Amino acid sequence: MSISVSDLRIPASSAVKVYVEGDFLLEHQTSSGITLAYVLKNEAGETLLSGHQVGQFTMADYHTLSLTATVVDRASYSGRYSDTLTFTYRLETIA
């Protein structure tokens, strides 16, 4: 998956920082209580946890952030699984 911004216009002393929130559990769409855990990693291969910063964009450097999700559990049931992640963008002052 990827995250990007376009037409960014912010002060040079600021950055748009991106954070992720979620439980990192895929839920079976028809069987209650059946889940598969997965990990979300950034471009550097670091595992992201809920509340972690995914990346940032500045006027000098805004590019596409690439994230990789990998299922770590073995599926006991076939079917469709889904999850929702929330990405929060915050304008913050940087040093």
C-alpha atoms as a PDB file:
ATOM      1  CA  MET A   1       0.000   0.000   0.000  1.00  0.00           C
ATOM      2  CA  SER A   2       1.185   3.539  -0.483  1.00  0.00           C
ATOM      3  CA  ILE A   3       0.534   6.970   0.991  1.00  0.00           C
ATOM      4  CA  SER A   4       1.232  10.181  -0.866  1.00  0.00           C
ATOM      5  CA  VAL A   5       0.465  13.889  -0.865  1.00  0.00           C
ATOM      6  CA  SER A   6       0.326  16.313  -3.752  1.00  0.00           C
ATOM      7  CA  ASP A   7       0.466  20.088  -4.078  1.00  0.00           C
ATOM      8  CA  LEU A   8       1.917  20.433  -0.593  1.00  0.00           C
ATOM      9  CA  ARG A   9       2.208  24.036   0.599  1.00  0.00           C
ATOM     10  CA  ILE A  10       3.392  24.319   4.176  1.00  0.00           C
ATOM     11  CA  PRO A  11       6.027  26.419   5.996  1.00  0.00           C
ATOM     12  CA  ALA A  12       9.628  25.220   5.628  1.00  0.00           C
ATOM     13  CA  SER A  13       9.724  24.681   9.411  1.00  0.00           C
ATOM     14  CA  SER A  14       6.771  22.259   9.287  1.00  0.00           C
ATOM     15  CA  ALA A  15       6.073  18.697   8.250  1.00  0.00           C
ATOM     16  CA  VAL A  16       2.969  16.659   7.619  1.00  0.00           C
ATOM     17  CA  LYS A  17       3.496  13.588   9.793  1.00  0.00           C
ATOM     18  CA  VAL A  18       1.481  10.426   9.193  1.00  0.00           C
ATOM     19  CA  TYR A  19       0.484   8.069  12.024  1.00  0.00           C
ATOM     20  CA  VAL A  20      -1.294   4.695  11.908  1.00  0.00           C
ATOM     21  CA  GLU A  21      -3.906   3.295  14.307  1.00  0.00           C
ATOM     22  CA  GLY A  22      -5.310  -0.225  14.250  1.00  0.00           C
ATOM     23  CA  ASP A  23      -5.313  -3.656  15.874  1.00  0.00           C
ATOM     24  CA  PHE A  24      -3.538  -5.398  12.960  1.00  0.00           C
ATOM     25  CA  LEU A  25      -6.029  -8.265  12.978  1.00  0.00           C
ATOM     26  CA  LEU A  26      -7.825  -9.382   9.846  1.00  0.00           C
ATOM     27  CA  GLU A  27     -11.342 -10.527  10.747  1.00  0.00           C
ATOM     28  CA  HIS A  28     -13.159 -13.287   8.880  1.00  0.00           C
ATOM     29  CA  GLN A  29     -16.168 -11.683   7.222  1.00  0.00           C
ATOM     30  CA  THR A  30     -18.663 -14.431   7.979  1.00  0.00           C
ATOM     31  CA  SER A  31     -17.320 -16.303  11.054  1.00  0.00           C
ATOM     32  CA  SER A  32     -17.255 -14.264  14.247  1.00  0.00           C
ATOM     33  CA  GLY A  33     -14.076 -14.483  16.314  1.00  0.00           C
ATOM     34  CA  ILE A  34     -11.854 -15.822  13.506  1.00  0.00           C
ATOM     35  CA  THR A  35      -8.850 -13.532  13.005  1.00  0.00           C
ATOM     36  CA  LEU A  36      -5.439 -13.483  11.357  1.00  0.00           C
ATOM     37  CA  ALA A  37      -2.663 -11.294  12.761  1.00  0.00           C
ATOM     38  CA  TYR A  38      -0.500  -9.308  10.369  1.00  0.00           C
ATOM     39  CA  VAL A  39       2.429  -6.927  10.617  1.00  0.00           C
ATOM     40  CA  LEU A  40       2.754  -3.591   8.876  1.00  0.00           C
ATOM     41  CA  LYS A  41       6.262  -2.500   7.888  1.00  0.00           C
ATOM     42  CA  ASN A  42       7.626   0.769   6.567  1.00  0.00           C
ATOM     43  CA  GLU A  43      10.116   1.199   3.707  1.00  0.00           C
ATOM     44  CA  ALA A  44      13.035   0.516   6.066  1.00  0.00           C
ATOM     45  CA  GLY A  45      11.486  -2.831   7.074  1.00  0.00           C
ATOM     46  CA  GLU A  46      10.626  -1.639  10.581  1.00  0.00           C
ATOM     47  CA  THR A  47       7.463  -3.076  12.131  1.00  0.00           C
ATOM     48  CA  LEU A  48       4.858  -0.403  12.858  1.00  0.00           C
ATOM     49  CA  LEU A  49       2.600  -0.565  15.893  1.00  0.00           C
ATOM     50  CA  SER A  50      -0.621   1.315  16.536  1.00  0.00           C
ATOM     51  CA  GLY A  51       0.204   4.951  17.208  1.00  0.00           C
ATOM     52  CA  HIS A  52       3.556   4.813  15.397  1.00  0.00           C
ATOM     53  CA  GLN A  53       4.620   7.437  12.895  1.00  0.00           C
ATOM     54  CA  VAL A  54       4.561   5.993   9.394  1.00  0.00           C
ATOM     55  CA  GLY A  55       6.507   8.836   7.796  1.00  0.00           C
ATOM     56  CA  GLN A  56       6.487  12.525   7.057  1.00  0.00           C
ATOM     57  CA  PHE A  57       6.309  14.968   4.172  1.00  0.00           C
ATOM     58  CA  THR A  58       8.062  18.341   4.004  1.00  0.00           C
ATOM     59  CA  MET A  59       8.230  20.984   1.293  1.00  0.00           C
ATOM     60  CA  ALA A  60      11.753  19.763   0.484  1.00  0.00           C
ATOM     61  CA  ASP A  61      10.818  16.081   0.423  1.00  0.00           C
ATOM     62  CA  TYR A  62       7.425  14.722  -0.359  1.00  0.00           C
ATOM     63  CA  HIS A  63       7.285  11.368  -2.028  1.00  0.00           C
ATOM     64  CA  THR A  64       5.168   8.254  -1.861  1.00  0.00           C
ATOM     65  CA  LEU A  65       5.510   6.218   1.337  1.00  0.00           C
ATOM     66  CA  SER A  66       5.340   2.471   0.736  1.00  0.00           C
ATOM     67  CA  LEU A  67       4.037   0.099   3.409  1.00  0.00           C
ATOM     68  CA  THR A  68       3.961  -3.695   3.389  1.00  0.00           C
ATOM     69  CA  ALA A  69       1.424  -5.858   5.226  1.00  0.00           C
ATOM     70  CA  THR A  70       2.329  -9.509   5.866  1.00  0.00           C
ATOM     71  CA  VAL A  71       0.029 -12.088   7.463  1.00  0.00           C
ATOM     72  CA  VAL A  72       1.852 -13.913  10.274  1.00  0.00           C
ATOM     73  CA  ASP A  73      -0.856 -16.385  11.306  1.00  0.00           C
ATOM     74  CA  ARG A  74      -1.775 -19.555   9.447  1.00  0.00           C
ATOM     75  CA  ALA A  75      -5.331 -19.393   8.129  1.00  0.00           C
ATOM     76  CA  SER A  76      -7.558 -22.085   9.641  1.00  0.00           C
ATOM     77  CA  TYR A  77     -10.561 -21.064   7.556  1.00  0.00           C
ATOM     78  CA  SER A  78     -10.792 -20.015   3.937  1.00  0.00           C
ATOM     79  CA  GLY A  79     -12.811 -16.990   2.995  1.00  0.00           C
ATOM     80  CA  ARG A  80     -12.546 -13.241   3.041  1.00  0.00           C
ATOM     81  CA  TYR A  81     -10.770 -11.352   5.783  1.00  0.00           C
ATOM     82  CA  SER A  82     -10.633  -7.592   6.257  1.00  0.00           C
ATOM     83  CA  ASP A  83      -9.384  -4.920   8.631  1.00  0.00           C
ATOM     84  CA  THR A  84      -9.507  -1.151   8.934  1.00  0.00           C
ATOM     85  CA  LEU A  85      -6.477   1.026   9.576  1.00  0.00           C
ATOM     86  CA  THR A  86      -6.790   4.736  10.317  1.00  0.00           C
ATOM     87  CA  PHE A  87      -4.091   7.072   9.058  1.00  0.00           C
ATOM     88  CA  THR A  88      -3.891  10.467  10.742  1.00  0.00           C
ATOM     89  CA  TYR A  89      -2.095  13.375   9.108  1.00  0.00           C
ATOM     90  CA  ARG A  90      -0.787  16.069  11.468  1.00  0.00           C
ATOM     91  CA  LEU A  91       0.896  19.345  10.586  1.00  0.00           C
ATOM     92  CA  GLU A  92       3.739  19.698  13.082  1.00  0.00           C
ATOM     93  CA  THR A  93       6.687  22.058  13.571  1.00  0.00           C
ATOM     94  CA  ILE A  94      10.075  20.427  12.983  1.00  0.00           C
ATOM     95  CA  ALA A  95      13.519  21.503  14.147  1.00  0.00           C
END
